[in-house]
Amino acid sequence: MNDQEPRDSKDWVEDVKAEVSGMAKEGINHPSSKPVLTGAAIGAVAGAILPVVSWPIGLLAGAGFMLYQRIKK
């Protein structure tokens, strides 16, 4: 058994919900909106160029990656 406490007891799902709802309420004025939209655009372009993935998958992957980068800070 593991008697150690987890190092990070932060609930990342709650962080994601708070960040996304903040972006929905504040729109482009939210500090995370521009980086997430930029990541989505880069992912969509990469998805359009790569033969295995389509642009919607690239868009979601890029937006998800940038959202993760914003939340883990």
N, C-alpha and C. Protein backbone atom coordinates (compact mmCIF):
# COMPACT_ATOMS: atom_id res chain seq x y z
N MET A 1 0.83 -1.18 0.00
CA MET A 1 0.00 0.00 0.00
C MET A 1 0.87 1.24 0.00
N ASN A 2 0.34 2.27 -0.56
CA ASN A 2 1.05 3.53 -0.65
C ASN A 2 0.52 4.46 0.42
N ASP A 3 1.36 4.75 1.43
CA ASP A 3 0.93 5.62 2.53
C ASP A 3 1.23 7.08 2.27
N GLN A 4 1.84 7.38 1.13
CA GLN A 4 2.18 8.76 0.82
C GLN A 4 0.96 9.49 0.29
N GLU A 5 0.89 10.78 0.61
CA GLU A 5 -0.18 11.61 0.07
C GLU A 5 0.20 12.05 -1.33
N PRO A 6 -0.77 12.27 -2.18
CA PRO A 6 -0.44 12.75 -3.52
C PRO A 6 0.21 14.12 -3.44
N ARG A 7 1.19 14.35 -4.33
CA ARG A 7 1.89 15.63 -4.34
C ARG A 7 0.96 16.76 -4.75
N ASP A 8 0.12 16.50 -5.71
CA ASP A 8 -0.75 17.55 -6.23
C ASP A 8 -2.19 17.08 -6.12
N SER A 9 -2.91 17.60 -5.16
CA SER A 9 -4.29 17.16 -4.96
C SER A 9 -5.26 18.05 -5.73
N LYS A 10 -4.75 18.89 -6.61
CA LYS A 10 -5.57 19.80 -7.39
C LYS A 10 -6.46 19.01 -8.35
N ASP A 11 -7.69 19.41 -8.46
CA ASP A 11 -8.61 18.74 -9.37
C ASP A 11 -8.55 19.45 -10.72
N TRP A 12 -7.91 18.84 -11.69
CA TRP A 12 -7.71 19.50 -12.97
C TRP A 12 -9.00 19.64 -13.76
N VAL A 13 -9.97 18.79 -13.50
CA VAL A 13 -11.25 18.91 -14.20
C VAL A 13 -11.94 20.21 -13.79
N GLU A 14 -11.88 20.53 -12.51
CA GLU A 14 -12.46 21.80 -12.05
C GLU A 14 -11.73 22.99 -12.64
N ASP A 15 -10.41 22.87 -12.78
CA ASP A 15 -9.62 23.95 -13.39
C ASP A 15 -10.02 24.16 -14.84
N VAL A 16 -10.21 23.06 -15.56
CA VAL A 16 -10.61 23.16 -16.97
C VAL A 16 -11.99 23.79 -17.08
N LYS A 17 -12.91 23.35 -16.23
CA LYS A 17 -14.26 23.92 -16.27
C LYS A 17 -14.24 25.40 -15.97
N ALA A 18 -13.46 25.81 -14.97
CA ALA A 18 -13.39 27.23 -14.62
C ALA A 18 -12.76 28.04 -15.75
N GLU A 19 -11.73 27.51 -16.38
CA GLU A 19 -11.05 28.22 -17.46
C GLU A 19 -11.96 28.35 -18.69
N VAL A 20 -12.62 27.27 -19.06
CA VAL A 20 -13.50 27.30 -20.23
C VAL A 20 -14.71 28.20 -19.98
N SER A 21 -15.28 28.14 -18.79
CA SER A 21 -16.43 29.01 -18.51
C SER A 21 -15.99 30.48 -18.46
N GLY A 22 -14.79 30.74 -17.97
CA GLY A 22 -14.27 32.11 -17.99
C GLY A 22 -14.06 32.60 -19.41
N MET A 23 -13.55 31.72 -20.28
CA MET A 23 -13.37 32.09 -21.68
C MET A 23 -14.71 32.32 -22.36
N ALA A 24 -15.72 31.53 -22.00
CA ALA A 24 -17.04 31.69 -22.60
C ALA A 24 -17.69 33.00 -22.16
N LYS A 25 -17.49 33.37 -20.90
CA LYS A 25 -18.11 34.60 -20.38
C LYS A 25 -17.41 35.85 -20.88
N GLU A 26 -16.07 35.84 -20.86
CA GLU A 26 -15.32 37.04 -21.21
C GLU A 26 -14.95 37.12 -22.69
N GLY A 27 -15.09 36.03 -23.40
CA GLY A 27 -14.78 36.03 -24.82
C GLY A 27 -13.29 36.24 -25.07
N ILE A 28 -12.98 37.06 -26.05
CA ILE A 28 -11.60 37.28 -26.45
C ILE A 28 -10.82 38.08 -25.40
N ASN A 29 -11.50 38.70 -24.47
CA ASN A 29 -10.82 39.48 -23.41
C ASN A 29 -10.22 38.61 -22.32
N HIS A 30 -10.57 37.34 -22.28
CA HIS A 30 -10.00 36.42 -21.29
C HIS A 30 -8.55 36.13 -21.65
N PRO A 31 -7.66 36.07 -20.66
CA PRO A 31 -6.24 35.85 -20.97
C PRO A 31 -5.92 34.53 -21.68
N SER A 32 -6.77 33.54 -21.57
CA SER A 32 -6.50 32.25 -22.22
C SER A 32 -7.07 32.16 -23.62
N SER A 33 -7.95 33.06 -23.99
CA SER A 33 -8.63 32.94 -25.29
C SER A 33 -7.67 33.01 -26.46
N LYS A 34 -6.81 34.00 -26.48
CA LYS A 34 -5.91 34.17 -27.62
C LYS A 34 -4.92 33.02 -27.78
N PRO A 35 -4.26 32.55 -26.70
CA PRO A 35 -3.36 31.40 -26.89
C PRO A 35 -4.09 30.13 -27.33
N VAL A 36 -5.29 29.90 -26.81
CA VAL A 36 -6.03 28.70 -27.19
C VAL A 36 -6.48 28.78 -28.64
N LEU A 37 -6.94 29.96 -29.08
CA LEU A 37 -7.33 30.12 -30.48
C LEU A 37 -6.13 30.00 -31.41
N THR A 38 -4.98 30.51 -30.99
CA THR A 38 -3.76 30.38 -31.78
C THR A 38 -3.37 28.91 -31.90
N GLY A 39 -3.43 28.19 -30.80
CA GLY A 39 -3.13 26.75 -30.83
C GLY A 39 -4.09 26.00 -31.72
N ALA A 40 -5.36 26.40 -31.70
CA ALA A 40 -6.36 25.75 -32.55
C ALA A 40 -6.05 26.00 -34.02
N ALA A 41 -5.66 27.23 -34.35
CA ALA A 41 -5.34 27.55 -35.74
C ALA A 41 -4.10 26.79 -36.22
N ILE A 42 -3.08 26.73 -35.38
CA ILE A 42 -1.86 26.00 -35.75
C ILE A 42 -2.17 24.51 -35.90
N GLY A 43 -2.98 23.98 -35.00
CA GLY A 43 -3.36 22.56 -35.11
C GLY A 43 -4.18 22.28 -36.35
N ALA A 44 -5.07 23.20 -36.73
CA ALA A 44 -5.87 23.01 -37.94
C ALA A 44 -5.00 23.01 -39.18
N VAL A 45 -4.03 23.92 -39.24
CA VAL A 45 -3.12 23.96 -40.38
C VAL A 45 -2.28 22.68 -40.43
N ALA A 46 -1.77 22.26 -39.28
CA ALA A 46 -0.98 21.02 -39.24
C ALA A 46 -1.84 19.83 -39.64
N GLY A 47 -3.08 19.81 -39.20
CA GLY A 47 -3.98 18.71 -39.55
C GLY A 47 -4.31 18.69 -41.03
N ALA A 48 -4.37 19.87 -41.65
CA ALA A 48 -4.66 19.94 -43.08
C ALA A 48 -3.46 19.47 -43.90
N ILE A 49 -2.26 19.71 -43.38
CA ILE A 49 -1.05 19.34 -44.11
C ILE A 49 -0.75 17.84 -43.97
N LEU A 50 -0.93 17.32 -42.77
CA LEU A 50 -0.60 15.91 -42.53
C LEU A 50 -1.64 15.00 -43.19
N PRO A 51 -1.20 13.93 -43.82
CA PRO A 51 -2.15 13.07 -44.53
C PRO A 51 -2.98 12.17 -43.60
N VAL A 52 -2.51 11.93 -42.38
CA VAL A 52 -3.20 10.99 -41.50
C VAL A 52 -4.34 11.66 -40.74
N VAL A 53 -4.18 12.92 -40.40
CA VAL A 53 -5.17 13.64 -39.58
C VAL A 53 -5.90 14.66 -40.44
N SER A 54 -7.12 14.94 -40.06
CA SER A 54 -7.86 15.99 -40.76
C SER A 54 -7.79 17.27 -39.96
N TRP A 55 -8.22 18.38 -40.54
CA TRP A 55 -8.09 19.67 -39.86
C TRP A 55 -8.94 19.76 -38.59
N PRO A 56 -10.14 19.15 -38.50
CA PRO A 56 -10.87 19.24 -37.22
C PRO A 56 -10.15 18.56 -36.06
N ILE A 57 -9.50 17.44 -36.35
CA ILE A 57 -8.75 16.75 -35.30
C ILE A 57 -7.55 17.60 -34.88
N GLY A 58 -6.87 18.19 -35.86
CA GLY A 58 -5.76 19.08 -35.56
C GLY A 58 -6.19 20.29 -34.77
N LEU A 59 -7.35 20.85 -35.12
CA LEU A 59 -7.89 22.00 -34.40
C LEU A 59 -8.15 21.66 -32.94
N LEU A 60 -8.80 20.54 -32.69
CA LEU A 60 -9.08 20.12 -31.31
C LEU A 60 -7.81 19.80 -30.54
N ALA A 61 -6.87 19.15 -31.21
CA ALA A 61 -5.61 18.82 -30.55
C ALA A 61 -4.83 20.08 -30.19
N GLY A 62 -4.77 21.03 -31.11
CA GLY A 62 -4.05 22.28 -30.84
C GLY A 62 -4.69 23.09 -29.73
N ALA A 63 -6.02 23.19 -29.76
CA ALA A 63 -6.72 23.92 -28.70
C ALA A 63 -6.58 23.22 -27.36
N GLY A 64 -6.69 21.90 -27.37
CA GLY A 64 -6.54 21.14 -26.12
C GLY A 64 -5.15 21.26 -25.53
N PHE A 65 -4.14 21.22 -26.39
CA PHE A 65 -2.76 21.35 -25.91
C PHE A 65 -2.52 22.72 -25.29
N MET A 66 -2.98 23.77 -25.93
CA MET A 66 -2.77 25.12 -25.39
C MET A 66 -3.57 25.33 -24.11
N LEU A 67 -4.76 24.77 -24.03
CA LEU A 67 -5.55 24.87 -22.80
C LEU A 67 -4.83 24.16 -21.67
N TYR A 68 -4.26 22.99 -21.97
CA TYR A 68 -3.49 22.26 -20.96
C TYR A 68 -2.28 23.08 -20.51
N GLN A 69 -1.60 23.72 -21.44
CA GLN A 69 -0.44 24.54 -21.09
C GLN A 69 -0.85 25.70 -20.19
N ARG A 70 -2.01 26.29 -20.43
CA ARG A 70 -2.48 27.41 -19.61
C ARG A 70 -2.88 26.94 -18.22
N ILE A 71 -3.45 25.76 -18.10
CA ILE A 71 -3.94 25.28 -16.80
C ILE A 71 -2.82 24.76 -15.93
N LYS A 72 -1.82 24.15 -16.50
CA LYS A 72 -0.76 23.55 -15.68
C LYS A 72 0.15 24.59 -15.03
N LYS A 73 0.06 25.85 -15.43
CA LYS A 73 0.90 26.90 -14.85
C LYS A 73 0.53 27.17 -13.42
